[in-house]
Amino acid sequence: MDDFLSLSDAERLEALNAAASVSGRLPHLLEKDIWVVWALHHLFTGPHAEHLVFKGGTSLSKAYSVIRRFSEDVDLTYDIRTIAPDLIEEAGGPIPASKSQEKKWTKQIRARLAEWVASEIVPRLKHELTRQSLPATVRVEHDKVFIDYTPLRTGTGYVPPAVMLEFGGRSTGEPSEPRAIVCDAAAYLPMLTFPTATPQVMRAERTFWEKATAIHVFCAQGSFRGGERFARHWHDIARLDTAGYVDSAIADRALGQAVADHKSIFFSEKTKEGDMIDYHAAVSGKLQLVPDAGALATLAADYQRMVDDGLLLDDAEPFGTLMERCRAIQEKANMRHLPGLPATAARQ
């Protein structure tokens, strides 16, 4: 069988159009997905694979098949025990003892991570692109790596022709497990071979609490740090609920507490009024997943942009329906936090 990436531009475009006509998915999204899997393959066959964890919305799509929306960027954790063993030994654990210590840790970890990314990850990716004569370049911005590829097709502009690999180094990424990943186009083009990967992936239950607490912050602030492209979190937790992961996540009280412990130190945030946001309250019966009117309009606009560019594929319910589902998850999470529920083991 021919390798998709070894085909000419014209042949690759013909293949993408054929896959798009059968699948109903847009060619530019199928193309970007191939680059996502290509990047994961080379990250998790490299010398640092045992210390990396793939997480976030893209992991829910590619590793767990929980969501059908197109998820374009790759979130990764480089184990804090590997990048900062001296800091952990000093503190006696993977979480700083104070906010001042957290600032010291964050500054040092970001510097180390940026150096590691520039010296280890970027050269390896550049080497592979050159070796395979692929139409892409690599650039780095601190702890983010961008694979800018020459697109065969484009959409509305909401999805750029670049895969962003965003690295973090302030967590272990646990609990996690290995999961097999394939390209979306592969099912529709069996005569071709595509990149595959088997990364270590953050468990879906932890991803729920990571996303739910991020939503909780949005509801308290009325905005989302990083600008646009945030409506995906609401879509994702609704699909996690459908797949049953929300029930297991909210039953695991230790996991929720672990996420709250970690975010309270490393990602402390304030409300619009200047009060500290209580992550422990969010995982203990006071979770808010539906924003107030002003922020709701902002969220609705971003959701519509996702729909317009085809990111939700064939899985886009009306915005009002999505909010109803998230309100039901909010109520379930808050009601099910009852005394006596078993607390299963969780780690940072």
C-alpha atoms as a PDB file:
ATOM      1  CA  MET A   1       0.000   0.000   0.000  1.00  0.00           C
ATOM      2  CA  ASP A   2       1.123   3.546  -0.676  1.00  0.00           C
ATOM      3  CA  ASP A   3       1.908   5.923   2.156  1.00  0.00           C
ATOM      4  CA  PHE A   4      -0.407   8.931   2.074  1.00  0.00           C
ATOM      5  CA  LEU A   5       2.386  11.310   3.026  1.00  0.00           C
ATOM      6  CA  SER A   6       4.597  10.075   0.166  1.00  0.00           C
ATOM      7  CA  LEU A   7       2.005  10.928  -2.501  1.00  0.00           C
ATOM      8  CA  SER A   8       2.180  14.044  -4.650  1.00  0.00           C
ATOM      9  CA  ASP A   9       0.151  17.096  -3.692  1.00  0.00           C
ATOM     10  CA  ALA A  10      -2.412  16.315  -6.375  1.00  0.00           C
ATOM     11  CA  GLU A  11      -2.729  12.698  -5.251  1.00  0.00           C
ATOM     12  CA  ARG A  12      -3.080  13.645  -1.574  1.00  0.00           C
ATOM     13  CA  LEU A  13      -5.760  16.203  -2.404  1.00  0.00           C
ATOM     14  CA  GLU A  14      -7.622  13.638  -4.507  1.00  0.00           C
ATOM     15  CA  ALA A  15      -7.474  11.174  -1.611  1.00  0.00           C
ATOM     16  CA  LEU A  16      -8.710  13.768   0.900  1.00  0.00           C
ATOM     17  CA  ASN A  17     -11.599  14.742  -1.380  1.00  0.00           C
ATOM     18  CA  ALA A  18     -12.537  11.086  -1.766  1.00  0.00           C
ATOM     19  CA  ALA A  19     -12.492  10.533   1.994  1.00  0.00           C
ATOM     20  CA  ALA A  20     -14.492  13.715   2.516  1.00  0.00           C
ATOM     21  CA  SER A  21     -17.196  12.688   0.042  1.00  0.00           C
ATOM     22  CA  VAL A  22     -17.678   9.346   1.786  1.00  0.00           C
ATOM     23  CA  SER A  23     -17.347  10.513   5.386  1.00  0.00           C
ATOM     24  CA  GLY A  24     -19.074  13.885   5.145  1.00  0.00           C
ATOM     25  CA  ARG A  25     -16.084  15.457   6.876  1.00  0.00           C
ATOM     26  CA  LEU A  26     -14.374  18.502   5.423  1.00  0.00           C
ATOM     27  CA  PRO A  27     -11.059  17.901   3.594  1.00  0.00           C
ATOM     28  CA  HIS A  28      -9.126  20.546   5.544  1.00  0.00           C
ATOM     29  CA  LEU A  29     -10.106  18.881   8.826  1.00  0.00           C
ATOM     30  CA  LEU A  30      -9.121  15.423   7.610  1.00  0.00           C
ATOM     31  CA  GLU A  31      -5.791  16.877   6.513  1.00  0.00           C
ATOM     32  CA  LYS A  32      -5.054  18.535   9.840  1.00  0.00           C
ATOM     33  CA  ASP A  33      -5.980  15.360  11.696  1.00  0.00           C
ATOM     34  CA  ILE A  34      -3.257  13.517   9.789  1.00  0.00           C
ATOM     35  CA  TRP A  35      -0.696  16.056  10.961  1.00  0.00           C
ATOM     36  CA  VAL A  36      -1.933  15.695  14.554  1.00  0.00           C
ATOM     37  CA  VAL A  37      -1.406  11.922  14.470  1.00  0.00           C
ATOM     38  CA  TRP A  38       1.957  12.353  12.729  1.00  0.00           C
ATOM     39  CA  ALA A  39       3.099  14.607  15.572  1.00  0.00           C
ATOM     40  CA  LEU A  40       1.847  12.189  18.250  1.00  0.00           C
ATOM     41  CA  HIS A  41       3.651   9.305  16.569  1.00  0.00           C
ATOM     42  CA  HIS A  42       6.992  11.064  16.678  1.00  0.00           C
ATOM     43  CA  LEU A  43       6.522  12.386  20.209  1.00  0.00           C
ATOM     44  CA  PHE A  44       5.628   8.994  21.634  1.00  0.00           C
ATOM     45  CA  THR A  45       8.280   7.000  19.816  1.00  0.00           C
ATOM     46  CA  GLY A  46      10.976   9.411  20.963  1.00  0.00           C
ATOM     47  CA  PRO A  47      13.369   9.131  23.896  1.00  0.00           C
ATOM     48  CA  HIS A  48      11.109  11.121  26.240  1.00  0.00           C
ATOM     49  CA  ALA A  49       7.880   9.205  25.587  1.00  0.00           C
ATOM     50  CA  GLU A  50       7.789   7.554  29.015  1.00  0.00           C
ATOM     51  CA  HIS A  51       7.597  10.984  30.665  1.00  0.00           C
ATOM     52  CA  LEU A  52       4.864  12.423  28.418  1.00  0.00           C
ATOM     53  CA  VAL A  53       1.079  12.275  28.801  1.00  0.00           C
ATOM     54  CA  PHE A  54      -1.368  13.269  26.051  1.00  0.00           C
ATOM     55  CA  LYS A  55      -4.402  15.073  27.471  1.00  0.00           C
ATOM     56  CA  GLY A  56      -7.234  17.514  26.707  1.00  0.00           C
ATOM     57  CA  GLY A  57     -10.016  17.540  24.148  1.00  0.00           C
ATOM     58  CA  THR A  58      -7.956  16.027  21.361  1.00  0.00           C
ATOM     59  CA  SER A  59      -7.272  13.014  23.582  1.00  0.00           C
ATOM     60  CA  LEU A  60     -11.011  12.563  24.103  1.00  0.00           C
ATOM     61  CA  SER A  61     -11.514  12.540  20.349  1.00  0.00           C
ATOM     62  CA  LYS A  62      -8.525  10.540  19.204  1.00  0.00           C
ATOM     63  CA  ALA A  63      -7.875   8.185  22.125  1.00  0.00           C
ATOM     64  CA  TYR A  64     -11.306   7.638  23.671  1.00  0.00           C
ATOM     65  CA  SER A  65     -13.670   8.384  20.747  1.00  0.00           C
ATOM     66  CA  VAL A  66     -15.875  10.186  23.247  1.00  0.00           C
ATOM     67  CA  ILE A  67     -16.314  13.296  21.132  1.00  0.00           C
ATOM     68  CA  ARG A  68     -16.875  13.544  17.403  1.00  0.00           C
ATOM     69  CA  ARG A  69     -15.884  17.190  17.090  1.00  0.00           C
ATOM     70  CA  PHE A  70     -12.639  17.979  15.331  1.00  0.00           C
ATOM     71  CA  SER A  71      -9.992  18.716  17.929  1.00  0.00           C
ATOM     72  CA  GLU A  72      -6.961  20.346  16.417  1.00  0.00           C
ATOM     73  CA  ASP A  73      -4.294  21.026  19.033  1.00  0.00           C
ATOM     74  CA  VAL A  74      -2.243  18.678  21.192  1.00  0.00           C
ATOM     75  CA  ASP A  75      -1.955  19.226  24.949  1.00  0.00           C
ATOM     76  CA  LEU A  76       0.861  17.387  26.679  1.00  0.00           C
ATOM     77  CA  THR A  77       2.224  17.055  30.182  1.00  0.00           C
ATOM     78  CA  TYR A  78       5.920  16.434  30.731  1.00  0.00           C
ATOM     79  CA  ASP A  79       6.072  14.742  34.129  1.00  0.00           C
ATOM     80  CA  ILE A  80       6.961  17.215  36.881  1.00  0.00           C
ATOM     81  CA  ARG A  81       8.922  14.436  38.592  1.00  0.00           C
ATOM     82  CA  THR A  82      11.244  14.365  35.580  1.00  0.00           C
ATOM     83  CA  ILE A  83      11.649  18.070  34.923  1.00  0.00           C
ATOM     84  CA  ALA A  84      11.766  19.226  38.555  1.00  0.00           C
ATOM     85  CA  PRO A  85      12.848  16.378  40.857  1.00  0.00           C
ATOM     86  CA  ASP A  86      14.877  18.798  42.976  1.00  0.00           C
ATOM     87  CA  LEU A  87      11.856  21.007  43.670  1.00  0.00           C
ATOM     88  CA  ILE A  88       9.684  18.015  44.568  1.00  0.00           C
ATOM     89  CA  GLU A  89      12.323  16.632  46.916  1.00  0.00           C
ATOM     90  CA  GLU A  90      12.615  20.011  48.614  1.00  0.00           C
ATOM     91  CA  ALA A  91       8.850  20.281  49.119  1.00  0.00           C
ATOM     92  CA  GLY A  92       8.262  16.615  49.882  1.00  0.00           C
ATOM     93  CA  GLY A  93       5.666  16.220  47.127  1.00  0.00           C
ATOM     94  CA  PRO A  94       4.513  17.393  43.658  1.00  0.00           C
ATOM     95  CA  ILE A  95       2.610  20.442  44.967  1.00  0.00           C
ATOM     96  CA  PRO A  96       4.282  23.573  46.411  1.00  0.00           C
ATOM     97  CA  ALA A  97       3.589  24.331  50.055  1.00  0.00           C
ATOM     98  CA  SER A  98       2.765  28.003  49.467  1.00  0.00           C
ATOM     99  CA  LYS A  99       1.884  30.518  46.775  1.00  0.00           C
ATOM    100  CA  SER A 100       5.327  32.070  46.945  1.00  0.00           C
ATOM    101  CA  GLN A 101       6.868  28.650  46.433  1.00  0.00           C
ATOM    102  CA  GLU A 102       4.490  28.055  43.532  1.00  0.00           C
ATOM    103  CA  LYS A 103       5.765  31.195  41.792  1.00  0.00           C
ATOM    104  CA  LYS A 104       9.327  29.938  42.200  1.00  0.00           C
ATOM    105  CA  TRP A 105       8.382  26.509  40.838  1.00  0.00           C
ATOM    106  CA  THR A 106       6.414  27.911  37.917  1.00  0.00           C
ATOM    107  CA  LYS A 107       9.218  30.233  36.845  1.00  0.00           C
ATOM    108  CA  GLN A 108      11.829  27.487  37.009  1.00  0.00           C
ATOM    109  CA  ILE A 109       9.656  24.828  35.374  1.00  0.00           C
ATOM    110  CA  ARG A 110       8.685  27.108  32.487  1.00  0.00           C
ATOM    111  CA  ALA A 111      12.327  27.976  31.863  1.00  0.00           C
ATOM    112  CA  ARG A 112      13.386  24.333  31.981  1.00  0.00           C
ATOM    113  CA  LEU A 113      10.468  23.276  29.805  1.00  0.00           C
ATOM    114  CA  ALA A 114      11.202  25.910  27.149  1.00  0.00           C
ATOM    115  CA  GLU A 115      14.852  24.820  27.071  1.00  0.00           C
ATOM    116  CA  TRP A 116      13.885  21.153  26.829  1.00  0.00           C
ATOM    117  CA  VAL A 117      11.367  21.793  24.053  1.00  0.00           C
ATOM    118  CA  ALA A 118      13.879  23.836  22.046  1.00  0.00           C
ATOM    119  CA  SER A 119      16.773  21.417  22.494  1.00  0.00           C
ATOM    120  CA  GLU A 120      14.995  18.047  22.388  1.00  0.00           C
ATOM    121  CA  ILE A 121      11.587  18.227  20.730  1.00  0.00           C
ATOM    122  CA  VAL A 122      12.072  20.795  17.957  1.00  0.00           C
ATOM    123  CA  PRO A 123      15.244  19.253  16.448  1.00  0.00           C
ATOM    124  CA  ARG A 124      13.642  15.807  16.379  1.00  0.00           C
ATOM    125  CA  LEU A 125      10.530  17.059  14.582  1.00  0.00           C
ATOM    126  CA  LYS A 126      12.586  19.105  12.116  1.00  0.00           C
ATOM    127  CA  HIS A 127      14.724  16.063  11.386  1.00  0.00           C
ATOM    128  CA  GLU A 128      11.662  13.910  10.660  1.00  0.00           C
ATOM    129  CA  LEU A 129      10.086  16.515   8.379  1.00  0.00           C
ATOM    130  CA  THR A 130      13.321  16.789   6.405  1.00  0.00           C
ATOM    131  CA  ARG A 131      13.832  13.018   6.292  1.00  0.00           C
ATOM    132  CA  GLN A 132      10.338  12.492   4.903  1.00  0.00           C
ATOM    133  CA  SER A 133      10.460  15.590   2.651  1.00  0.00           C
ATOM    134  CA  LEU A 134       7.196  16.835   4.074  1.00  0.00           C
ATOM    135  CA  PRO A 135       5.734  20.291   3.285  1.00  0.00           C
ATOM    136  CA  ALA A 136       5.904  21.704   6.798  1.00  0.00           C
ATOM    137  CA  THR A 137       8.132  23.707   9.100  1.00  0.00           C
ATOM    138  CA  VAL A 138       8.567  23.835  12.867  1.00  0.00           C
ATOM    139  CA  ARG A 139       8.662  26.923  15.050  1.00  0.00           C
ATOM    140  CA  VAL A 140       8.776  27.304  18.799  1.00  0.00           C
ATOM    141  CA  GLU A 141       7.306  29.879  21.164  1.00  0.00           C
ATOM    142  CA  HIS A 142       8.510  29.165  24.703  1.00  0.00           C
ATOM    143  CA  ASP A 143       6.766  25.888  25.665  1.00  0.00           C
ATOM    144  CA  LYS A 144       4.636  25.698  22.503  1.00  0.00           C
ATOM    145  CA  VAL A 145       5.692  24.072  19.258  1.00  0.00           C
ATOM    146  CA  PHE A 146       3.908  24.785  15.984  1.00  0.00           C
ATOM    147  CA  ILE A 147       4.020  22.515  12.957  1.00  0.00           C
ATOM    148  CA  ASP A 148       3.055  24.821  10.085  1.00  0.00           C
ATOM    149  CA  TYR A 149       2.084  22.759   7.063  1.00  0.00           C
ATOM    150  CA  THR A 150       1.207  23.832   3.534  1.00  0.00           C
ATOM    151  CA  PRO A 151      -2.526  23.104   3.319  1.00  0.00           C
ATOM    152  CA  LEU A 152      -4.117  21.349   0.381  1.00  0.00           C
ATOM    153  CA  ARG A 153      -7.522  22.772   1.323  1.00  0.00           C
ATOM    154  CA  THR A 154      -8.696  25.524   3.677  1.00  0.00           C
ATOM    155  CA  GLY A 155     -11.900  26.224   5.586  1.00  0.00           C
ATOM    156  CA  THR A 156     -13.319  29.483   6.908  1.00  0.00           C
ATOM    157  CA  GLY A 157     -10.116  30.364   8.742  1.00  0.00           C
ATOM    158  CA  TYR A 158     -11.277  29.247  12.196  1.00  0.00           C
ATOM    159  CA  VAL A 159      -8.910  26.261  11.909  1.00  0.00           C
ATOM    160  CA  PRO A 160      -5.389  27.371  10.896  1.00  0.00           C
ATOM    161  CA  PRO A 161      -3.002  25.085   8.947  1.00  0.00           C
ATOM    162  CA  ALA A 162      -0.783  24.520  11.968  1.00  0.00           C
ATOM    163  CA  VAL A 163      -0.702  21.914  14.730  1.00  0.00           C
ATOM    164  CA  MET A 164       0.085  23.403  18.111  1.00  0.00           C
ATOM    165  CA  LEU A 165       1.842  21.176  20.619  1.00  0.00           C
ATOM    166  CA  GLU A 166       1.401  22.790  24.023  1.00  0.00           C
ATOM    167  CA  PHE A 167       3.609  21.384  26.768  1.00  0.00           C
ATOM    168  CA  GLY A 168       3.077  21.720  30.500  1.00  0.00           C
ATOM    169  CA  GLY A 169       5.353  20.558  33.279  1.00  0.00           C
ATOM    170  CA  ARG A 170       3.518  21.120  36.537  1.00  0.00           C
ATOM    171  CA  SER A 171       1.723  17.793  36.869  1.00  0.00           C
ATOM    172  CA  THR A 172       2.345  14.064  36.608  1.00  0.00           C
ATOM    173  CA  GLY A 173      -0.585  13.680  34.211  1.00  0.00           C
ATOM    174  CA  GLU A 174      -1.926  10.769  36.255  1.00  0.00           C
ATOM    175  CA  PRO A 175      -4.030   8.725  36.118  1.00  0.00           C
ATOM    176  CA  SER A 176      -3.187   7.747  32.524  1.00  0.00           C
ATOM    177  CA  GLU A 177      -3.114   4.732  30.222  1.00  0.00           C
ATOM    178  CA  PRO A 178      -1.821   3.835  26.715  1.00  0.00           C
ATOM    179  CA  ARG A 179      -4.362   4.183  23.893  1.00  0.00           C
ATOM    180  CA  ALA A 180      -4.070   3.420  20.168  1.00  0.00           C
ATOM    181  CA  ILE A 181      -4.732   6.289  17.734  1.00  0.00           C
ATOM    182  CA  VAL A 182      -5.373   6.342  13.980  1.00  0.00           C
ATOM    183  CA  CYS A 183      -6.134   9.036  11.412  1.00  0.00           C
ATOM    184  CA  ASP A 184      -9.793   9.777  10.666  1.00  0.00           C
ATOM    185  CA  ALA A 185      -9.192   9.401   6.926  1.00  0.00           C
ATOM    186  CA  ALA A 186      -7.755   5.896   7.268  1.00  0.00           C
ATOM    187  CA  ALA A 187     -11.166   4.229   7.567  1.00  0.00           C
ATOM    188  CA  TYR A 188     -12.219   5.639   4.192  1.00  0.00           C
ATOM    189  CA  LEU A 189      -8.975   5.026   2.279  1.00  0.00           C
ATOM    190  CA  PRO A 190      -7.968   1.421   3.038  1.00  0.00           C
ATOM    191  CA  MET A 191      -5.627   1.348   0.050  1.00  0.00           C
ATOM    192  CA  LEU A 192      -3.329   3.881   1.757  1.00  0.00           C
ATOM    193  CA  THR A 193      -1.297   3.846   4.961  1.00  0.00           C
ATOM    194  CA  PHE A 194      -1.422   6.710   7.441  1.00  0.00           C
ATOM    195  CA  PRO A 195       0.443   7.683  10.616  1.00  0.00           C
ATOM    196  CA  THR A 196      -0.550   5.875  13.819  1.00  0.00           C
ATOM    197  CA  ALA A 197       0.397   6.443  17.453  1.00  0.00           C
ATOM    198  CA  THR A 198       0.084   4.828  20.889  1.00  0.00           C
ATOM    199  CA  PRO A 199       0.543   7.644  23.404  1.00  0.00           C
ATOM    200  CA  GLN A 200       0.119   7.536  27.162  1.00  0.00           C
ATOM    201  CA  VAL A 201      -3.199   9.326  27.679  1.00  0.00           C
ATOM    202  CA  MET A 202      -4.738  11.077  30.669  1.00  0.00           C
ATOM    203  CA  ARG A 203      -7.800   9.172  31.850  1.00  0.00           C
ATOM    204  CA  ALA A 204     -11.081  10.644  30.693  1.00  0.00           C
ATOM    205  CA  GLU A 205     -12.346  11.055  34.266  1.00  0.00           C
ATOM    206  CA  ARG A 206      -9.548  13.473  35.099  1.00  0.00           C
ATOM    207  CA  THR A 207     -10.107  15.308  31.815  1.00  0.00           C
ATOM    208  CA  PHE A 208     -13.708  15.869  32.888  1.00  0.00           C
ATOM    209  CA  TRP A 209     -12.639  17.557  36.125  1.00  0.00           C
ATOM    210  CA  GLU A 210      -9.980  19.586  34.321  1.00  0.00           C
ATOM    211  CA  LYS A 211     -12.589  20.885  31.885  1.00  0.00           C
ATOM    212  CA  ALA A 212     -15.387  21.284  34.441  1.00  0.00           C
ATOM    213  CA  THR A 213     -13.212  23.414  36.715  1.00  0.00           C
ATOM    214  CA  ALA A 214     -12.083  25.522  33.735  1.00  0.00           C
ATOM    215  CA  ILE A 215     -15.750  26.110  32.895  1.00  0.00           C
ATOM    216  CA  HIS A 216     -16.419  26.964  36.544  1.00  0.00           C
ATOM    217  CA  VAL A 217     -13.755  29.683  36.295  1.00  0.00           C
ATOM    218  CA  PHE A 218     -15.311  31.048  33.097  1.00  0.00           C
ATOM    219  CA  CYS A 219     -18.690  31.271  34.806  1.00  0.00           C
ATOM    220  CA  ALA A 220     -17.144  33.168  37.715  1.00  0.00           C
ATOM    221  CA  GLN A 221     -15.201  35.584  35.512  1.00  0.00           C
ATOM    222  CA  GLY A 222     -17.395  35.960  32.431  1.00  0.00           C
ATOM    223  CA  SER A 223     -14.425  35.473  30.111  1.00  0.00           C
ATOM    224  CA  PHE A 224     -11.849  32.869  29.169  1.00  0.00           C
ATOM    225  CA  ARG A 225      -8.114  33.372  29.354  1.00  0.00           C
ATOM    226  CA  GLY A 226      -6.621  32.877  25.924  1.00  0.00           C
ATOM    227  CA  GLY A 227      -9.430  34.569  24.006  1.00  0.00           C
ATOM    228  CA  GLU A 228     -11.707  32.637  21.677  1.00  0.00           C
ATOM    229  CA  ARG A 229     -12.174  28.954  20.863  1.00  0.00           C
ATOM    230  CA  PHE A 230     -13.397  27.864  24.284  1.00  0.00           C
ATOM    231  CA  ALA A 231     -16.921  26.556  23.579  1.00  0.00           C
ATOM    232  CA  ARG A 232     -15.408  23.129  22.973  1.00  0.00           C
ATOM    233  CA  HIS A 233     -15.209  22.498  26.729  1.00  0.00           C
ATOM    234  CA  TRP A 234     -19.003  22.526  27.134  1.00  0.00           C
ATOM    235  CA  HIS A 235     -19.449  20.253  24.127  1.00  0.00           C
ATOM    236  CA  ASP A 236     -16.846  17.871  25.527  1.00  0.00           C
ATOM    237  CA  ILE A 237     -18.303  17.455  28.998  1.00  0.00           C
ATOM    238  CA  ALA A 238     -21.727  16.755  27.478  1.00  0.00           C
ATOM    239  CA  ARG A 239     -20.193  13.929  25.435  1.00  0.00           C
ATOM    240  CA  LEU A 240     -18.273  12.657  28.455  1.00  0.00           C
ATOM    241  CA  ASP A 241     -21.604  12.433  30.229  1.00  0.00           C
ATOM    242  CA  THR A 242     -23.144  10.453  27.366  1.00  0.00           C
ATOM    243  CA  ALA A 243     -20.220   8.014  27.507  1.00  0.00           C
ATOM    244  CA  GLY A 244     -20.624   7.518  31.269  1.00  0.00           C
ATOM    245  CA  TYR A 245     -17.351   9.143  32.306  1.00  0.00           C
ATOM    246  CA  VAL A 246     -19.026  11.946  34.245  1.00  0.00           C
ATOM    247  CA  ASP A 247     -20.691   9.466  36.601  1.00  0.00           C
ATOM    248  CA  SER A 248     -17.403   7.710  37.349  1.00  0.00           C
ATOM    249  CA  ALA A 249     -15.571  11.042  37.673  1.00  0.00           C
ATOM    250  CA  ILE A 250     -17.953  12.569  40.207  1.00  0.00           C
ATOM    251  CA  ALA A 251     -18.053   9.301  42.166  1.00  0.00           C
ATOM    252  CA  ASP A 252     -14.257   9.470  42.485  1.00  0.00           C
ATOM    253  CA  ARG A 253     -14.048  12.117  45.190  1.00  0.00           C
ATOM    254  CA  ALA A 254     -10.295  11.712  45.597  1.00  0.00           C
ATOM    255  CA  LEU A 255      -9.768  12.510  41.914  1.00  0.00           C
ATOM    256  CA  GLY A 256     -11.853  15.675  42.149  1.00  0.00           C
ATOM    257  CA  GLN A 257      -9.954  16.750  45.242  1.00  0.00           C
ATOM    258  CA  ALA A 258      -6.620  16.062  43.527  1.00  0.00           C
ATOM    259  CA  VAL A 259      -7.568  18.331  40.628  1.00  0.00           C
ATOM    260  CA  ALA A 260      -8.768  21.014  43.045  1.00  0.00           C
ATOM    261  CA  ASP A 261      -5.560  20.771  45.094  1.00  0.00           C
ATOM    262  CA  HIS A 262      -3.447  21.162  41.984  1.00  0.00           C
ATOM    263  CA  LYS A 263      -5.411  24.020  40.438  1.00  0.00           C
ATOM    264  CA  SER A 264      -5.716  25.911  43.730  1.00  0.00           C
ATOM    265  CA  ILE A 265      -1.947  26.287  43.787  1.00  0.00           C
ATOM    266  CA  PHE A 266      -0.908  26.356  40.124  1.00  0.00           C
ATOM    267  CA  PHE A 267      -3.972  27.973  38.536  1.00  0.00           C
ATOM    268  CA  SER A 268      -5.458  30.238  41.180  1.00  0.00           C
ATOM    269  CA  GLU A 269      -8.035  32.656  39.754  1.00  0.00           C
ATOM    270  CA  LYS A 270     -10.264  35.445  40.992  1.00  0.00           C
ATOM    271  CA  THR A 271     -13.893  36.285  40.330  1.00  0.00           C
ATOM    272  CA  LYS A 272     -14.998  39.510  38.641  1.00  0.00           C
ATOM    273  CA  GLU A 273     -15.344  40.947  42.129  1.00  0.00           C
ATOM    274  CA  GLY A 274     -11.767  40.027  43.067  1.00  0.00           C
ATOM    275  CA  ASP A 275     -12.520  37.072  45.341  1.00  0.00           C
ATOM    276  CA  MET A 276     -10.501  33.864  45.046  1.00  0.00           C
ATOM    277  CA  ILE A 277     -12.267  31.117  43.131  1.00  0.00           C
ATOM    278  CA  ASP A 278     -12.698  28.036  45.318  1.00  0.00           C
ATOM    279  CA  TYR A 279     -11.852  24.939  43.287  1.00  0.00           C
ATOM    280  CA  HIS A 280     -12.579  22.685  46.240  1.00  0.00           C
ATOM    281  CA  ALA A 281     -16.119  24.046  46.384  1.00  0.00           C
ATOM    282  CA  ALA A 282     -16.461  23.328  42.655  1.00  0.00           C
ATOM    283  CA  VAL A 283     -15.707  19.629  43.168  1.00  0.00           C
ATOM    284  CA  SER A 284     -17.703  19.442  46.397  1.00  0.00           C
ATOM    285  CA  GLY A 285     -21.236  20.429  45.487  1.00  0.00           C
ATOM    286  CA  LYS A 286     -20.992  24.001  44.152  1.00  0.00           C
ATOM    287  CA  LEU A 287     -19.946  23.462  40.544  1.00  0.00           C
ATOM    288  CA  GLN A 288     -21.229  26.025  38.002  1.00  0.00           C
ATOM    289  CA  LEU A 289     -21.307  25.013  34.349  1.00  0.00           C
ATOM    290  CA  VAL A 290     -23.846  27.460  32.882  1.00  0.00           C
ATOM    291  CA  PRO A 291     -22.704  31.115  32.743  1.00  0.00           C
ATOM    292  CA  ASP A 292     -24.798  34.216  33.349  1.00  0.00           C
ATOM    293  CA  ALA A 293     -26.409  36.200  30.536  1.00  0.00           C
ATOM    294  CA  GLY A 294     -23.461  38.319  29.337  1.00  0.00           C
ATOM    295  CA  ALA A 295     -20.949  35.478  29.294  1.00  0.00           C
ATOM    296  CA  LEU A 296     -23.608  33.199  27.839  1.00  0.00           C
ATOM    297  CA  ALA A 297     -23.823  35.417  24.743  1.00  0.00           C
ATOM    298  CA  THR A 298     -20.021  35.321  24.360  1.00  0.00           C
ATOM    299  CA  LEU A 299     -20.084  31.559  24.666  1.00  0.00           C
ATOM    300  CA  ALA A 300     -22.924  31.243  22.137  1.00  0.00           C
ATOM    301  CA  ALA A 301     -20.980  33.282  19.566  1.00  0.00           C
ATOM    302  CA  ASP A 302     -17.885  31.102  19.915  1.00  0.00           C
ATOM    303  CA  TYR A 303     -20.008  27.962  19.676  1.00  0.00           C
ATOM    304  CA  GLN A 304     -21.529  29.205  16.429  1.00  0.00           C
ATOM    305  CA  ARG A 305     -18.070  29.794  14.959  1.00  0.00           C
ATOM    306  CA  MET A 306     -17.208  26.186  15.727  1.00  0.00           C
ATOM    307  CA  VAL A 307     -20.371  25.023  13.986  1.00  0.00           C
ATOM    308  CA  ASP A 308     -19.781  27.231  10.940  1.00  0.00           C
ATOM    309  CA  ASP A 309     -16.306  25.805  10.312  1.00  0.00           C
ATOM    310  CA  GLY A 310     -17.472  22.212  10.635  1.00  0.00           C
ATOM    311  CA  LEU A 311     -15.564  21.364  13.807  1.00  0.00           C
ATOM    312  CA  LEU A 312     -18.543  19.590  15.341  1.00  0.00           C
ATOM    313  CA  LEU A 313     -18.923  17.384  12.267  1.00  0.00           C
ATOM    314  CA  ASP A 314     -22.449  15.933  12.484  1.00  0.00           C
ATOM    315  CA  ASP A 315     -22.701  16.305  16.258  1.00  0.00           C
ATOM    316  CA  ALA A 316     -23.853  19.896  16.777  1.00  0.00           C
ATOM    317  CA  GLU A 317     -27.011  20.304  18.812  1.00  0.00           C
ATOM    318  CA  PRO A 318     -28.593  23.766  19.253  1.00  0.00           C
ATOM    319  CA  PHE A 319     -26.719  25.910  21.753  1.00  0.00           C
ATOM    320  CA  GLY A 320     -29.717  26.021  24.091  1.00  0.00           C
ATOM    321  CA  THR A 321     -29.869  22.233  24.144  1.00  0.00           C
ATOM    322  CA  LEU A 322     -26.181  22.047  24.993  1.00  0.00           C
ATOM    323  CA  MET A 323     -26.669  24.419  27.912  1.00  0.00           C
ATOM    324  CA  GLU A 324     -29.578  22.310  29.174  1.00  0.00           C
ATOM    325  CA  ARG A 325     -27.350  19.243  29.116  1.00  0.00           C
ATOM    326  CA  CYS A 326     -24.590  21.056  30.973  1.00  0.00           C
ATOM    327  CA  ARG A 327     -27.066  22.300  33.574  1.00  0.00           C
ATOM    328  CA  ALA A 328     -28.148  18.698  34.131  1.00  0.00           C
ATOM    329  CA  ILE A 329     -24.505  17.658  34.592  1.00  0.00           C
ATOM    330  CA  GLN A 330     -24.035  20.540  37.040  1.00  0.00           C
ATOM    331  CA  GLU A 331     -27.016  19.433  39.077  1.00  0.00           C
ATOM    332  CA  LYS A 332     -25.961  15.794  39.004  1.00  0.00           C
ATOM    333  CA  ALA A 333     -22.417  16.595  40.117  1.00  0.00           C
ATOM    334  CA  ASN A 334     -23.630  18.814  42.933  1.00  0.00           C
ATOM    335  CA  MET A 335     -26.385  16.472  44.114  1.00  0.00           C
ATOM    336  CA  ARG A 336     -24.207  13.386  44.047  1.00  0.00           C
ATOM    337  CA  HIS A 337     -21.627  14.893  46.354  1.00  0.00           C
ATOM    338  CA  LEU A 338     -23.036  13.207  49.399  1.00  0.00           C
ATOM    339  CA  PRO A 339     -21.352  12.096  52.650  1.00  0.00           C
ATOM    340  CA  GLY A 340     -20.207   8.504  52.550  1.00  0.00           C
ATOM    341  CA  LEU A 341     -19.361   8.200  48.855  1.00  0.00           C
ATOM    342  CA  PRO A 342     -16.183   6.119  48.394  1.00  0.00           C
ATOM    343  CA  ALA A 343     -13.041   8.087  47.553  1.00  0.00           C
ATOM    344  CA  THR A 344     -10.865   6.126  45.135  1.00  0.00           C
ATOM    345  CA  ALA A 345      -7.170   6.745  44.784  1.00  0.00           C
ATOM    346  CA  ALA A 346      -5.948   9.618  42.637  1.00  0.00           C
ATOM    347  CA  ARG A 347      -2.619  11.283  42.102  1.00  0.00           C
ATOM    348  CA  GLN A 348      -1.513  14.716  41.028  1.00  0.00           C
END
